[in-house]
Every structure is written in structure tokens, then in C-alpha cells.
Amino acid sequence: MEPEFWYERWQHNEIGFHAAEANPLLVAHWGALSLVAGDRVFVPLCGKTLDIGWLLSQGYRVVGAELSEKAVQELFAELGLVPEISELDELRCYRGNGVDVFVGDIFDLTQGLLGEVQAIYDRAALVALPFSMRRRYTAHLRVITATAPQLLLCFEYDQRAMDGPPFSISDEEVARHYAGHYDLLKLASVAVTGGLKGQCAARENVWLLNQAVVG
């Protein structure tokens, strides 16, 4: 999947994936990460999600990564923030009160640029990437975050019934990417009301990933 796919989706406002409220599964299960106010949360492929506003309202700092600059501009406008914008190697960074967002290819984001994070909230990244990119993404995510704990949301459905994104991510695939590095706990599995995009039955799974203890 090429960057132009997402540029065009945002340019033509084809963003049916953008929810009009904070994700209820985030609200219900965020406490499982046992963070404290002031902790910094990484939201990969964040778009202009209202989940960021919810995290900020709970006292967390947020750092995001997003390919579309239009999405980031709209995010800051909706948060009522005027960003400071800086050029950082291949990326551009928007900074506001408690929130930093890197614009560009997430694979250009390094651990040094990202800085320390206490957790990852992945609702939109793993499910957005085709199978051929997901292993590279999960490996990169572990490196740049130093295997920070995750709250991972993903859909599971019959991929033959509908083309992604969002793509179907099975329990087995979650384990293939992360079981060697995290202890995995499925917190919830709920049916998607009305089906995914109204086309096929699906479930949304909530995973807690804590760094595995060695020895």
C-alpha cells in the first residue's frame, strides 16, 4: 500500500474510518496499562482521532505519527491549538500543549526523535497496513519505543468478505508479531455493531501487551 493511497483518502475526505467520539474500548480498558498522569503515550498512524483529545483530557502527554499533514493540521485545529512546526530530518513535527505529532513516513521516525514513551495505543496502525508491511511495522515499533507496553485494538473478520483496510488481524497473527517480546492478554472481544463498514460480521479485539519478563 503506497503513501498516495492515504494522501488521496485525506485529500478527498474519504475518512469513514474517522470516528466522531473517543473509542469506547479505549475508555473502558485504558486503566489496564496502569499509567499515571504526565506519562507519554505514542499513537502511531493517529490521523485526527478524538482519542488524542481524550488522552489529553485524562492528563497524559501524547506523541503521534501520521502520514497526512492535512490530518495533523485538522487535529490541531480541532484541539484548539496553534502548533509550533519544525523540520526534523525526513519528518516535520507539530508541537502543541502536551501533544507532538510527527508528519511523514513512520519508518523514518527514530527512537531518538520520538523520545521516551511509557505506552503505545495502537488502534489504527496495525489494521491499516497490508500483510506484507505488518512484520516490518511491528519490529520498528518495538525498536523506537523500547518495547513499551501497548493497548492494541484490532478487527477480526473473514478477509474474503471485504477488502481492507482495516484488515483482519487474527489472534495467531498478534502472537506471531508480539509473543516473543510481550506477555499477551486479550481484555475483550466485542461484535462490531452492524458489521464492519456494514458489509460483514466482525469483532473488535482489545489486547494488553506488557513487556515479557525474562528468566
N, C-alpha and C. Protein backbone atom coordinates (compact mmCIF):
# COMPACT_ATOMS: atom_id res chain seq x y z
N MET A 1 0.85 -1.18 0.00
CA MET A 1 0.00 0.00 0.00
C MET A 1 0.89 1.24 0.00
N GLU A 2 0.75 2.08 -1.01
CA GLU A 2 1.62 3.23 -1.17
C GLU A 2 1.09 4.43 -0.39
N PRO A 3 1.99 5.38 -0.01
CA PRO A 3 1.53 6.58 0.69
C PRO A 3 0.44 7.35 -0.05
N GLU A 4 0.48 7.31 -1.39
CA GLU A 4 -0.52 8.05 -2.17
C GLU A 4 -1.95 7.61 -1.84
N PHE A 5 -2.12 6.34 -1.45
CA PHE A 5 -3.46 5.85 -1.09
C PHE A 5 -4.03 6.69 0.05
N TRP A 6 -3.21 6.91 1.10
CA TRP A 6 -3.69 7.65 2.26
C TRP A 6 -3.76 9.14 1.97
N TYR A 7 -2.81 9.67 1.19
CA TYR A 7 -2.90 11.08 0.81
C TYR A 7 -4.23 11.37 0.12
N GLU A 8 -4.60 10.51 -0.80
CA GLU A 8 -5.83 10.72 -1.55
C GLU A 8 -7.05 10.58 -0.66
N ARG A 9 -7.03 9.62 0.27
CA ARG A 9 -8.17 9.46 1.17
C ARG A 9 -8.41 10.74 1.98
N TRP A 10 -7.33 11.32 2.48
CA TRP A 10 -7.48 12.55 3.26
C TRP A 10 -7.82 13.74 2.38
N GLN A 11 -7.21 13.81 1.22
CA GLN A 11 -7.45 14.94 0.33
C GLN A 11 -8.91 15.00 -0.09
N HIS A 12 -9.51 13.84 -0.32
CA HIS A 12 -10.91 13.79 -0.77
C HIS A 12 -11.88 13.54 0.38
N ASN A 13 -11.35 13.65 1.61
CA ASN A 13 -12.17 13.49 2.81
C ASN A 13 -12.85 12.12 2.86
N GLU A 14 -12.19 11.12 2.33
CA GLU A 14 -12.72 9.75 2.37
C GLU A 14 -12.21 9.07 3.63
N ILE A 15 -12.76 9.51 4.75
CA ILE A 15 -12.22 9.11 6.05
C ILE A 15 -13.33 8.50 6.91
N GLY A 16 -14.01 7.52 6.33
CA GLY A 16 -15.03 6.82 7.08
C GLY A 16 -14.48 6.14 8.32
N PHE A 17 -13.17 5.92 8.34
CA PHE A 17 -12.53 5.30 9.50
C PHE A 17 -12.42 6.26 10.67
N HIS A 18 -12.66 7.57 10.42
CA HIS A 18 -12.52 8.56 11.50
C HIS A 18 -13.79 8.57 12.33
N ALA A 19 -13.66 8.25 13.61
CA ALA A 19 -14.82 8.18 14.50
C ALA A 19 -15.14 9.56 15.07
N ALA A 20 -16.42 9.76 15.41
CA ALA A 20 -16.89 11.05 15.90
C ALA A 20 -16.80 11.18 17.41
N GLU A 21 -16.22 10.18 18.07
CA GLU A 21 -16.05 10.22 19.52
C GLU A 21 -14.87 9.34 19.89
N ALA A 22 -14.40 9.52 21.11
CA ALA A 22 -13.33 8.65 21.59
C ALA A 22 -13.81 7.21 21.60
N ASN A 23 -12.92 6.30 21.27
CA ASN A 23 -13.29 4.89 21.17
C ASN A 23 -13.73 4.36 22.54
N PRO A 24 -14.94 3.79 22.64
CA PRO A 24 -15.40 3.27 23.93
C PRO A 24 -14.50 2.18 24.51
N LEU A 25 -13.84 1.42 23.65
CA LEU A 25 -12.95 0.37 24.15
C LEU A 25 -11.68 0.98 24.76
N LEU A 26 -11.23 2.10 24.22
CA LEU A 26 -10.13 2.83 24.84
C LEU A 26 -10.54 3.29 26.23
N VAL A 27 -11.69 3.93 26.31
CA VAL A 27 -12.16 4.47 27.58
C VAL A 27 -12.34 3.35 28.61
N ALA A 28 -12.88 2.22 28.17
CA ALA A 28 -13.17 1.12 29.09
C ALA A 28 -11.92 0.41 29.59
N HIS A 29 -10.88 0.32 28.75
CA HIS A 29 -9.76 -0.57 29.08
C HIS A 29 -8.42 0.16 29.28
N TRP A 30 -8.40 1.46 29.14
CA TRP A 30 -7.14 2.17 29.26
C TRP A 30 -6.48 1.95 30.62
N GLY A 31 -7.28 1.83 31.66
CA GLY A 31 -6.73 1.66 33.00
C GLY A 31 -5.88 0.43 33.17
N ALA A 32 -6.01 -0.54 32.26
CA ALA A 32 -5.22 -1.77 32.37
C ALA A 32 -3.73 -1.51 32.23
N LEU A 33 -3.36 -0.38 31.64
CA LEU A 33 -1.94 -0.05 31.47
C LEU A 33 -1.32 0.52 32.74
N SER A 34 -2.15 0.93 33.69
CA SER A 34 -1.67 1.43 35.00
C SER A 34 -0.69 2.59 34.85
N LEU A 35 -1.03 3.52 33.97
CA LEU A 35 -0.20 4.71 33.81
C LEU A 35 -0.59 5.77 34.83
N VAL A 36 0.24 6.80 34.91
CA VAL A 36 -0.07 7.93 35.79
C VAL A 36 -0.10 9.20 34.94
N ALA A 37 -0.81 10.20 35.44
CA ALA A 37 -0.89 11.49 34.74
C ALA A 37 0.52 12.02 34.47
N GLY A 38 0.71 12.52 33.26
CA GLY A 38 2.01 13.01 32.85
C GLY A 38 2.80 12.03 32.01
N ASP A 39 2.40 10.74 32.04
CA ASP A 39 3.06 9.75 31.19
C ASP A 39 2.81 10.09 29.73
N ARG A 40 3.73 9.65 28.88
CA ARG A 40 3.71 10.00 27.46
C ARG A 40 3.30 8.77 26.65
N VAL A 41 2.30 8.95 25.79
CA VAL A 41 1.68 7.86 25.04
C VAL A 41 1.93 8.06 23.55
N PHE A 42 2.38 7.01 22.88
CA PHE A 42 2.61 7.06 21.44
C PHE A 42 1.39 6.50 20.72
N VAL A 43 0.88 7.28 19.75
CA VAL A 43 -0.27 6.87 18.94
C VAL A 43 0.18 6.82 17.48
N PRO A 44 0.56 5.65 16.97
CA PRO A 44 1.02 5.56 15.57
C PRO A 44 -0.14 5.66 14.59
N LEU A 45 0.14 6.29 13.43
CA LEU A 45 -0.86 6.49 12.37
C LEU A 45 -2.14 7.08 12.96
N CYS A 46 -1.98 8.21 13.64
CA CYS A 46 -3.02 8.74 14.50
C CYS A 46 -4.14 9.47 13.77
N GLY A 47 -3.89 9.96 12.53
CA GLY A 47 -4.90 10.76 11.87
C GLY A 47 -5.26 11.95 12.73
N LYS A 48 -6.55 12.25 12.83
CA LYS A 48 -7.01 13.32 13.72
C LYS A 48 -7.94 12.74 14.79
N THR A 49 -7.65 11.54 15.22
CA THR A 49 -8.53 10.83 16.13
C THR A 49 -8.88 11.62 17.39
N LEU A 50 -10.13 11.54 17.79
CA LEU A 50 -10.57 12.17 19.03
C LEU A 50 -10.02 11.43 20.24
N ASP A 51 -9.44 10.26 20.02
CA ASP A 51 -8.80 9.55 21.12
C ASP A 51 -7.67 10.38 21.72
N ILE A 52 -7.01 11.18 20.89
CA ILE A 52 -5.92 12.03 21.40
C ILE A 52 -6.47 13.06 22.37
N GLY A 53 -7.58 13.70 22.01
CA GLY A 53 -8.19 14.65 22.92
C GLY A 53 -8.60 14.01 24.23
N TRP A 54 -9.10 12.77 24.17
CA TRP A 54 -9.48 12.06 25.39
C TRP A 54 -8.25 11.79 26.26
N LEU A 55 -7.17 11.32 25.65
CA LEU A 55 -5.95 11.06 26.41
C LEU A 55 -5.42 12.34 27.07
N LEU A 56 -5.45 13.44 26.33
CA LEU A 56 -5.01 14.72 26.90
C LEU A 56 -5.91 15.12 28.07
N SER A 57 -7.21 14.89 27.93
CA SER A 57 -8.15 15.27 29.00
C SER A 57 -7.92 14.46 30.27
N GLN A 58 -7.29 13.29 30.13
CA GLN A 58 -7.00 12.44 31.29
C GLN A 58 -5.65 12.77 31.92
N GLY A 59 -4.96 13.76 31.35
CA GLY A 59 -3.71 14.20 31.95
C GLY A 59 -2.46 13.59 31.37
N TYR A 60 -2.59 12.84 30.25
CA TYR A 60 -1.42 12.24 29.62
C TYR A 60 -0.85 13.18 28.57
N ARG A 61 0.41 13.01 28.28
CA ARG A 61 1.02 13.65 27.12
C ARG A 61 0.95 12.67 25.95
N VAL A 62 0.82 13.20 24.75
CA VAL A 62 0.63 12.34 23.58
C VAL A 62 1.64 12.71 22.50
N VAL A 63 2.20 11.67 21.87
CA VAL A 63 3.03 11.86 20.69
C VAL A 63 2.48 10.95 19.60
N GLY A 64 2.25 11.51 18.42
CA GLY A 64 1.68 10.75 17.33
C GLY A 64 2.59 10.73 16.11
N ALA A 65 2.24 9.86 15.18
CA ALA A 65 2.90 9.81 13.88
C ALA A 65 1.79 9.66 12.84
N GLU A 66 1.89 10.45 11.77
CA GLU A 66 0.83 10.46 10.77
C GLU A 66 1.41 10.85 9.41
N LEU A 67 0.99 10.15 8.37
CA LEU A 67 1.48 10.41 7.02
C LEU A 67 0.90 11.69 6.43
N SER A 68 -0.37 11.95 6.72
CA SER A 68 -1.07 13.07 6.09
C SER A 68 -0.93 14.36 6.91
N GLU A 69 -0.32 15.38 6.33
CA GLU A 69 -0.21 16.66 7.02
C GLU A 69 -1.57 17.32 7.17
N LYS A 70 -2.47 17.10 6.22
CA LYS A 70 -3.81 17.64 6.31
C LYS A 70 -4.51 17.13 7.57
N ALA A 71 -4.36 15.84 7.84
CA ALA A 71 -4.96 15.27 9.05
C ALA A 71 -4.41 15.92 10.30
N VAL A 72 -3.11 16.16 10.34
CA VAL A 72 -2.48 16.75 11.52
C VAL A 72 -2.92 18.20 11.69
N GLN A 73 -3.00 18.93 10.59
CA GLN A 73 -3.50 20.31 10.68
C GLN A 73 -4.91 20.35 11.25
N GLU A 74 -5.76 19.43 10.79
CA GLU A 74 -7.14 19.38 11.29
C GLU A 74 -7.17 18.95 12.75
N LEU A 75 -6.28 18.03 13.15
CA LEU A 75 -6.21 17.61 14.54
C LEU A 75 -5.93 18.80 15.44
N PHE A 76 -4.91 19.58 15.12
CA PHE A 76 -4.55 20.71 15.97
C PHE A 76 -5.65 21.76 15.98
N ALA A 77 -6.28 21.98 14.83
CA ALA A 77 -7.39 22.94 14.78
C ALA A 77 -8.53 22.49 15.68
N GLU A 78 -8.86 21.20 15.66
CA GLU A 78 -9.96 20.69 16.47
C GLU A 78 -9.61 20.67 17.95
N LEU A 79 -8.31 20.58 18.27
CA LEU A 79 -7.88 20.68 19.66
C LEU A 79 -7.78 22.12 20.13
N GLY A 80 -7.91 23.06 19.19
CA GLY A 80 -7.80 24.47 19.53
C GLY A 80 -6.38 24.89 19.83
N LEU A 81 -5.41 24.23 19.19
CA LEU A 81 -4.00 24.52 19.42
C LEU A 81 -3.35 25.10 18.17
N VAL A 82 -2.49 26.08 18.37
CA VAL A 82 -1.67 26.61 17.28
C VAL A 82 -0.29 25.97 17.42
N PRO A 83 0.09 25.10 16.49
CA PRO A 83 1.32 24.33 16.68
C PRO A 83 2.58 25.12 16.34
N GLU A 84 3.66 24.74 16.99
CA GLU A 84 4.99 25.11 16.53
C GLU A 84 5.44 24.01 15.58
N ILE A 85 5.96 24.40 14.42
CA ILE A 85 6.30 23.42 13.39
C ILE A 85 7.81 23.46 13.15
N SER A 86 8.43 22.30 13.16
CA SER A 86 9.87 22.23 12.93
C SER A 86 10.18 21.09 11.97
N GLU A 87 11.29 21.23 11.25
CA GLU A 87 11.76 20.21 10.31
C GLU A 87 12.79 19.34 11.01
N LEU A 88 12.59 18.02 10.98
CA LEU A 88 13.48 17.09 11.65
C LEU A 88 13.83 15.97 10.68
N ASP A 89 15.00 16.06 10.06
CA ASP A 89 15.42 15.07 9.07
C ASP A 89 14.33 14.91 8.00
N GLU A 90 13.78 13.72 7.83
CA GLU A 90 12.77 13.48 6.80
C GLU A 90 11.36 13.82 7.27
N LEU A 91 11.22 14.23 8.50
CA LEU A 91 9.91 14.44 9.09
C LEU A 91 9.68 15.91 9.43
N ARG A 92 8.42 16.23 9.63
CA ARG A 92 8.03 17.54 10.14
C ARG A 92 7.30 17.29 11.46
N CYS A 93 7.56 18.12 12.46
CA CYS A 93 6.95 17.91 13.77
C CYS A 93 6.07 19.08 14.15
N TYR A 94 4.83 18.76 14.51
CA TYR A 94 3.88 19.75 15.03
C TYR A 94 3.85 19.59 16.55
N ARG A 95 4.06 20.69 17.26
CA ARG A 95 4.08 20.63 18.72
C ARG A 95 3.06 21.60 19.29
N GLY A 96 2.32 21.14 20.29
CA GLY A 96 1.37 21.98 20.99
C GLY A 96 1.39 21.64 22.46
N ASN A 97 0.41 22.10 23.18
CA ASN A 97 0.36 21.90 24.62
C ASN A 97 0.09 20.44 24.95
N GLY A 98 1.15 19.69 25.26
CA GLY A 98 1.01 18.30 25.65
C GLY A 98 0.97 17.31 24.51
N VAL A 99 1.08 17.78 23.28
CA VAL A 99 0.98 16.87 22.14
C VAL A 99 2.01 17.22 21.07
N ASP A 100 2.72 16.20 20.59
CA ASP A 100 3.66 16.31 19.48
C ASP A 100 3.20 15.30 18.43
N VAL A 101 3.22 15.72 17.15
CA VAL A 101 2.88 14.79 16.08
C VAL A 101 3.92 14.90 14.97
N PHE A 102 4.51 13.76 14.61
CA PHE A 102 5.47 13.71 13.52
C PHE A 102 4.73 13.41 12.22
N VAL A 103 4.97 14.22 11.21
CA VAL A 103 4.33 14.07 9.91
C VAL A 103 5.32 13.45 8.94
N GLY A 104 4.92 12.34 8.32
CA GLY A 104 5.77 11.67 7.36
C GLY A 104 5.69 10.17 7.52
N ASP A 105 6.64 9.49 6.92
CA ASP A 105 6.69 8.03 6.95
C ASP A 105 7.12 7.56 8.33
N ILE A 106 6.31 6.73 8.98
CA ILE A 106 6.65 6.27 10.33
C ILE A 106 7.97 5.52 10.36
N PHE A 107 8.39 4.95 9.23
CA PHE A 107 9.65 4.23 9.21
C PHE A 107 10.85 5.18 9.22
N ASP A 108 10.60 6.47 9.05
CA ASP A 108 11.66 7.47 9.20
C ASP A 108 11.77 7.98 10.63
N LEU A 109 10.85 7.58 11.48
CA LEU A 109 10.86 8.01 12.88
C LEU A 109 11.81 7.12 13.67
N THR A 110 12.76 7.73 14.35
CA THR A 110 13.74 7.00 15.14
C THR A 110 13.43 7.10 16.63
N GLN A 111 14.09 6.26 17.40
CA GLN A 111 13.92 6.31 18.85
C GLN A 111 14.39 7.66 19.39
N GLY A 112 15.47 8.18 18.80
CA GLY A 112 15.98 9.47 19.25
C GLY A 112 15.02 10.61 19.01
N LEU A 113 14.36 10.61 17.85
CA LEU A 113 13.38 11.65 17.57
C LEU A 113 12.12 11.48 18.41
N LEU A 114 11.67 10.25 18.56
CA LEU A 114 10.44 10.01 19.30
C LEU A 114 10.58 10.38 20.77
N GLY A 115 11.70 10.01 21.36
CA GLY A 115 11.86 10.22 22.79
C GLY A 115 11.19 9.13 23.60
N GLU A 116 11.29 9.22 24.89
CA GLU A 116 10.77 8.18 25.78
C GLU A 116 9.25 8.21 25.80
N VAL A 117 8.65 7.02 25.71
CA VAL A 117 7.21 6.89 25.89
C VAL A 117 6.96 5.78 26.90
N GLN A 118 5.86 5.94 27.65
CA GLN A 118 5.52 4.94 28.66
C GLN A 118 4.53 3.90 28.14
N ALA A 119 3.87 4.21 27.00
CA ALA A 119 2.89 3.26 26.47
C ALA A 119 2.62 3.58 25.01
N ILE A 120 2.02 2.61 24.32
CA ILE A 120 1.58 2.73 22.93
C ILE A 120 0.08 2.46 22.89
N TYR A 121 -0.63 3.27 22.14
CA TYR A 121 -2.04 2.99 21.86
C TYR A 121 -2.17 2.81 20.36
N ASP A 122 -2.35 1.56 19.93
CA ASP A 122 -2.44 1.24 18.51
C ASP A 122 -3.86 0.79 18.19
N ARG A 123 -4.63 1.73 17.70
CA ARG A 123 -5.97 1.42 17.24
C ARG A 123 -6.03 1.40 15.72
N ALA A 124 -5.17 2.17 15.07
CA ALA A 124 -5.34 2.43 13.64
C ALA A 124 -4.15 2.04 12.79
N ALA A 125 -3.06 1.60 13.37
CA ALA A 125 -1.85 1.36 12.59
C ALA A 125 -1.76 -0.08 12.07
N LEU A 126 -1.75 -1.04 12.98
CA LEU A 126 -1.60 -2.43 12.54
C LEU A 126 -2.71 -2.83 11.57
N VAL A 127 -3.93 -2.40 11.85
CA VAL A 127 -5.06 -2.78 10.99
C VAL A 127 -5.05 -2.05 9.65
N ALA A 128 -4.26 -0.98 9.55
CA ALA A 128 -4.23 -0.20 8.31
C ALA A 128 -3.21 -0.72 7.31
N LEU A 129 -2.31 -1.56 7.77
CA LEU A 129 -1.19 -1.97 6.93
C LEU A 129 -1.45 -3.34 6.30
N PRO A 130 -1.10 -3.51 5.03
CA PRO A 130 -1.25 -4.82 4.40
C PRO A 130 -0.29 -5.82 5.02
N PHE A 131 -0.58 -7.08 4.81
CA PHE A 131 0.19 -8.17 5.42
C PHE A 131 1.68 -8.01 5.18
N SER A 132 2.05 -7.59 3.97
CA SER A 132 3.47 -7.50 3.60
C SER A 132 4.23 -6.46 4.41
N MET A 133 3.53 -5.51 5.04
CA MET A 133 4.19 -4.45 5.80
C MET A 133 4.12 -4.65 7.30
N ARG A 134 3.26 -5.55 7.76
CA ARG A 134 2.98 -5.59 9.20
C ARG A 134 4.16 -6.09 10.03
N ARG A 135 4.91 -7.06 9.55
CA ARG A 135 6.06 -7.53 10.32
C ARG A 135 7.12 -6.43 10.45
N ARG A 136 7.35 -5.70 9.37
CA ARG A 136 8.31 -4.60 9.43
C ARG A 136 7.84 -3.54 10.42
N TYR A 137 6.54 -3.25 10.38
CA TYR A 137 5.99 -2.23 11.28
C TYR A 137 6.14 -2.63 12.73
N THR A 138 5.75 -3.85 13.08
CA THR A 138 5.79 -4.24 14.48
C THR A 138 7.22 -4.29 15.01
N ALA A 139 8.16 -4.71 14.17
CA ALA A 139 9.56 -4.71 14.58
C ALA A 139 10.06 -3.29 14.80
N HIS A 140 9.69 -2.39 13.89
CA HIS A 140 10.10 -0.98 14.01
C HIS A 140 9.49 -0.35 15.26
N LEU A 141 8.23 -0.65 15.52
CA LEU A 141 7.55 -0.09 16.68
C LEU A 141 8.26 -0.50 17.97
N ARG A 142 8.64 -1.75 18.06
CA ARG A 142 9.35 -2.21 19.26
C ARG A 142 10.66 -1.47 19.45
N VAL A 143 11.37 -1.25 18.35
CA VAL A 143 12.68 -0.59 18.45
C VAL A 143 12.52 0.85 18.91
N ILE A 144 11.65 1.62 18.27
CA ILE A 144 11.59 3.05 18.56
C ILE A 144 10.96 3.35 19.91
N THR A 145 10.18 2.39 20.45
CA THR A 145 9.54 2.62 21.76
C THR A 145 10.20 1.84 22.88
N ALA A 146 11.28 1.12 22.60
CA ALA A 146 11.93 0.27 23.60
C ALA A 146 10.93 -0.73 24.19
N THR A 147 10.10 -1.30 23.31
CA THR A 147 9.11 -2.31 23.69
C THR A 147 8.21 -1.81 24.82
N ALA A 148 7.71 -0.59 24.66
CA ALA A 148 6.79 -0.03 25.65
C ALA A 148 5.49 -0.85 25.67
N PRO A 149 4.80 -0.89 26.80
CA PRO A 149 3.51 -1.59 26.87
C PRO A 149 2.53 -1.02 25.85
N GLN A 150 1.59 -1.87 25.43
CA GLN A 150 0.62 -1.45 24.41
C GLN A 150 -0.80 -1.78 24.83
N LEU A 151 -1.71 -0.90 24.40
CA LEU A 151 -3.12 -1.26 24.28
C LEU A 151 -3.37 -1.34 22.78
N LEU A 152 -3.66 -2.53 22.29
CA LEU A 152 -3.80 -2.80 20.86
C LEU A 152 -5.24 -3.17 20.56
N LEU A 153 -5.84 -2.45 19.62
CA LEU A 153 -7.19 -2.76 19.15
C LEU A 153 -7.10 -3.24 17.72
N CYS A 154 -7.76 -4.33 17.41
CA CYS A 154 -7.74 -4.82 16.03
C CYS A 154 -9.03 -5.54 15.69
N PHE A 155 -9.33 -5.55 14.41
CA PHE A 155 -10.53 -6.21 13.92
C PHE A 155 -10.20 -7.64 13.50
N GLU A 156 -11.21 -8.50 13.61
CA GLU A 156 -11.07 -9.86 13.11
C GLU A 156 -12.35 -10.22 12.36
N TYR A 157 -12.18 -10.62 11.10
CA TYR A 157 -13.33 -10.97 10.25
C TYR A 157 -12.82 -11.81 9.10
N ASP A 158 -13.75 -12.32 8.30
CA ASP A 158 -13.39 -13.11 7.13
C ASP A 158 -12.88 -12.17 6.04
N GLN A 159 -11.56 -12.18 5.84
CA GLN A 159 -10.95 -11.25 4.89
C GLN A 159 -11.45 -11.47 3.46
N ARG A 160 -12.01 -12.64 3.18
CA ARG A 160 -12.55 -12.90 1.85
C ARG A 160 -13.83 -12.11 1.59
N ALA A 161 -14.48 -11.66 2.68
CA ALA A 161 -15.76 -10.97 2.55
C ALA A 161 -15.61 -9.49 2.25
N MET A 162 -14.43 -8.94 2.49
CA MET A 162 -14.24 -7.50 2.32
C MET A 162 -12.76 -7.19 2.19
N ASP A 163 -12.43 -6.27 1.34
CA ASP A 163 -11.05 -5.81 1.24
C ASP A 163 -10.76 -4.81 2.36
N GLY A 164 -9.55 -4.86 2.89
CA GLY A 164 -9.14 -3.83 3.84
C GLY A 164 -8.59 -2.63 3.09
N PRO A 165 -8.19 -1.60 3.82
CA PRO A 165 -8.21 -1.50 5.27
C PRO A 165 -9.59 -1.11 5.80
N PRO A 166 -9.87 -1.36 7.11
CA PRO A 166 -8.97 -2.05 8.03
C PRO A 166 -8.90 -3.54 7.72
N PHE A 167 -7.72 -4.10 7.92
CA PHE A 167 -7.51 -5.51 7.65
C PHE A 167 -7.83 -6.35 8.88
N SER A 168 -8.09 -7.61 8.63
CA SER A 168 -8.35 -8.55 9.71
C SER A 168 -7.02 -9.01 10.32
N ILE A 169 -6.96 -8.96 11.66
CA ILE A 169 -5.77 -9.40 12.38
C ILE A 169 -6.19 -10.50 13.34
N SER A 170 -5.80 -11.72 13.07
CA SER A 170 -6.20 -12.85 13.91
C SER A 170 -5.39 -12.87 15.20
N ASP A 171 -5.89 -13.64 16.18
CA ASP A 171 -5.13 -13.84 17.41
C ASP A 171 -3.76 -14.43 17.11
N GLU A 172 -3.72 -15.35 16.16
CA GLU A 172 -2.46 -16.01 15.80
C GLU A 172 -1.46 -15.01 15.24
N GLU A 173 -1.97 -14.05 14.47
CA GLU A 173 -1.04 -13.05 13.92
C GLU A 173 -0.52 -12.12 15.00
N VAL A 174 -1.38 -11.71 15.91
CA VAL A 174 -0.91 -10.90 17.04
C VAL A 174 0.23 -11.63 17.76
N ALA A 175 0.04 -12.92 17.99
CA ALA A 175 1.07 -13.71 18.66
C ALA A 175 2.35 -13.79 17.84
N ARG A 176 2.21 -13.95 16.53
CA ARG A 176 3.42 -14.04 15.68
C ARG A 176 4.25 -12.76 15.78
N HIS A 177 3.60 -11.64 15.83
CA HIS A 177 4.33 -10.37 15.88
C HIS A 177 4.91 -10.08 17.26
N TYR A 178 4.18 -10.46 18.31
CA TYR A 178 4.50 -9.90 19.61
C TYR A 178 4.79 -10.90 20.73
N ALA A 179 4.46 -12.18 20.56
CA ALA A 179 4.56 -13.11 21.69
C ALA A 179 5.99 -13.28 22.18
N GLY A 180 6.98 -13.11 21.33
CA GLY A 180 8.36 -13.25 21.76
C GLY A 180 8.88 -12.08 22.56
N HIS A 181 8.11 -11.00 22.61
CA HIS A 181 8.58 -9.78 23.26
C HIS A 181 7.65 -9.28 24.36
N TYR A 182 6.39 -9.70 24.29
CA TYR A 182 5.39 -9.25 25.26
C TYR A 182 4.65 -10.44 25.85
N ASP A 183 4.10 -10.22 27.04
CA ASP A 183 3.06 -11.09 27.56
C ASP A 183 1.73 -10.56 27.03
N LEU A 184 0.94 -11.42 26.40
CA LEU A 184 -0.28 -11.01 25.71
C LEU A 184 -1.50 -11.40 26.53
N LEU A 185 -2.42 -10.45 26.67
CA LEU A 185 -3.67 -10.71 27.36
C LEU A 185 -4.81 -10.08 26.57
N LYS A 186 -5.74 -10.90 26.10
CA LYS A 186 -6.92 -10.36 25.43
C LYS A 186 -7.91 -9.88 26.49
N LEU A 187 -8.15 -8.58 26.50
CA LEU A 187 -9.02 -7.99 27.51
C LEU A 187 -10.50 -8.07 27.13
N ALA A 188 -10.78 -8.02 25.83
CA ALA A 188 -12.18 -8.02 25.39
C ALA A 188 -12.25 -8.39 23.93
N SER A 189 -13.42 -8.90 23.53
CA SER A 189 -13.72 -9.17 22.13
C SER A 189 -15.20 -8.88 21.95
N VAL A 190 -15.51 -7.85 21.17
CA VAL A 190 -16.89 -7.41 21.03
C VAL A 190 -17.29 -7.40 19.56
N ALA A 191 -18.56 -7.72 19.30
CA ALA A 191 -19.07 -7.69 17.94
C ALA A 191 -19.18 -6.25 17.47
N VAL A 192 -18.81 -6.01 16.22
CA VAL A 192 -18.95 -4.69 15.61
C VAL A 192 -20.42 -4.51 15.23
N THR A 193 -21.06 -3.54 15.82
CA THR A 193 -22.49 -3.31 15.58
C THR A 193 -22.75 -3.01 14.11
N GLY A 194 -23.64 -3.78 13.52
CA GLY A 194 -23.97 -3.56 12.11
C GLY A 194 -22.96 -4.12 11.14
N GLY A 195 -21.91 -4.75 11.65
CA GLY A 195 -20.87 -5.28 10.78
C GLY A 195 -19.85 -4.23 10.42
N LEU A 196 -18.70 -4.66 9.97
CA LEU A 196 -17.63 -3.74 9.59
C LEU A 196 -17.98 -3.06 8.28
N LYS A 197 -18.06 -1.73 8.31
CA LYS A 197 -18.48 -0.94 7.15
C LYS A 197 -19.85 -1.39 6.64
N GLY A 198 -20.61 -2.04 7.50
CA GLY A 198 -21.92 -2.53 7.10
C GLY A 198 -21.87 -3.66 6.10
N GLN A 199 -20.69 -4.29 5.94
CA GLN A 199 -20.52 -5.29 4.89
C GLN A 199 -20.36 -6.71 5.41
N CYS A 200 -19.74 -6.88 6.56
CA CYS A 200 -19.50 -8.24 7.03
C CYS A 200 -19.40 -8.26 8.55
N ALA A 201 -19.76 -9.41 9.12
CA ALA A 201 -19.65 -9.59 10.56
C ALA A 201 -18.19 -9.49 10.98
N ALA A 202 -17.95 -8.84 12.11
CA ALA A 202 -16.58 -8.67 12.59
C ALA A 202 -16.59 -8.51 14.09
N ARG A 203 -15.43 -8.75 14.68
CA ARG A 203 -15.23 -8.50 16.10
C ARG A 203 -14.07 -7.53 16.25
N GLU A 204 -14.13 -6.73 17.30
CA GLU A 204 -13.01 -5.86 17.63
C GLU A 204 -12.39 -6.39 18.92
N ASN A 205 -11.12 -6.71 18.84
CA ASN A 205 -10.41 -7.32 19.96
C ASN A 205 -9.50 -6.30 20.63
N VAL A 206 -9.44 -6.38 21.94
CA VAL A 206 -8.61 -5.47 22.74
C VAL A 206 -7.53 -6.29 23.42
N TRP A 207 -6.28 -5.93 23.14
CA TRP A 207 -5.14 -6.65 23.69
C TRP A 207 -4.32 -5.75 24.60
N LEU A 208 -3.89 -6.31 25.72
CA LEU A 208 -2.90 -5.67 26.59
C LEU A 208 -1.58 -6.36 26.39
N LEU A 209 -0.56 -5.60 26.02
CA LEU A 209 0.77 -6.16 25.78
C LEU A 209 1.72 -5.53 26.79
N ASN A 210 2.22 -6.34 27.71
CA ASN A 210 3.21 -5.91 28.66
C ASN A 210 4.53 -6.58 28.36
N GLN A 211 5.61 -5.85 28.54
CA GLN A 211 6.93 -6.40 28.21
C GLN A 211 7.17 -7.69 28.97
N ALA A 212 7.58 -8.71 28.22
CA ALA A 212 7.79 -10.02 28.84
C ALA A 212 8.96 -9.97 29.81
N VAL A 213 8.79 -10.66 30.92
CA VAL A 213 9.85 -10.77 31.92
C VAL A 213 10.71 -11.98 31.58
N VAL A 214 12.00 -11.74 31.43
CA VAL A 214 12.93 -12.82 31.07
C VAL A 214 13.47 -13.47 32.33
N GLY A 215 13.46 -14.81 32.34
CA GLY A 215 14.03 -15.53 33.46
C GLY A 215 13.02 -15.81 34.54
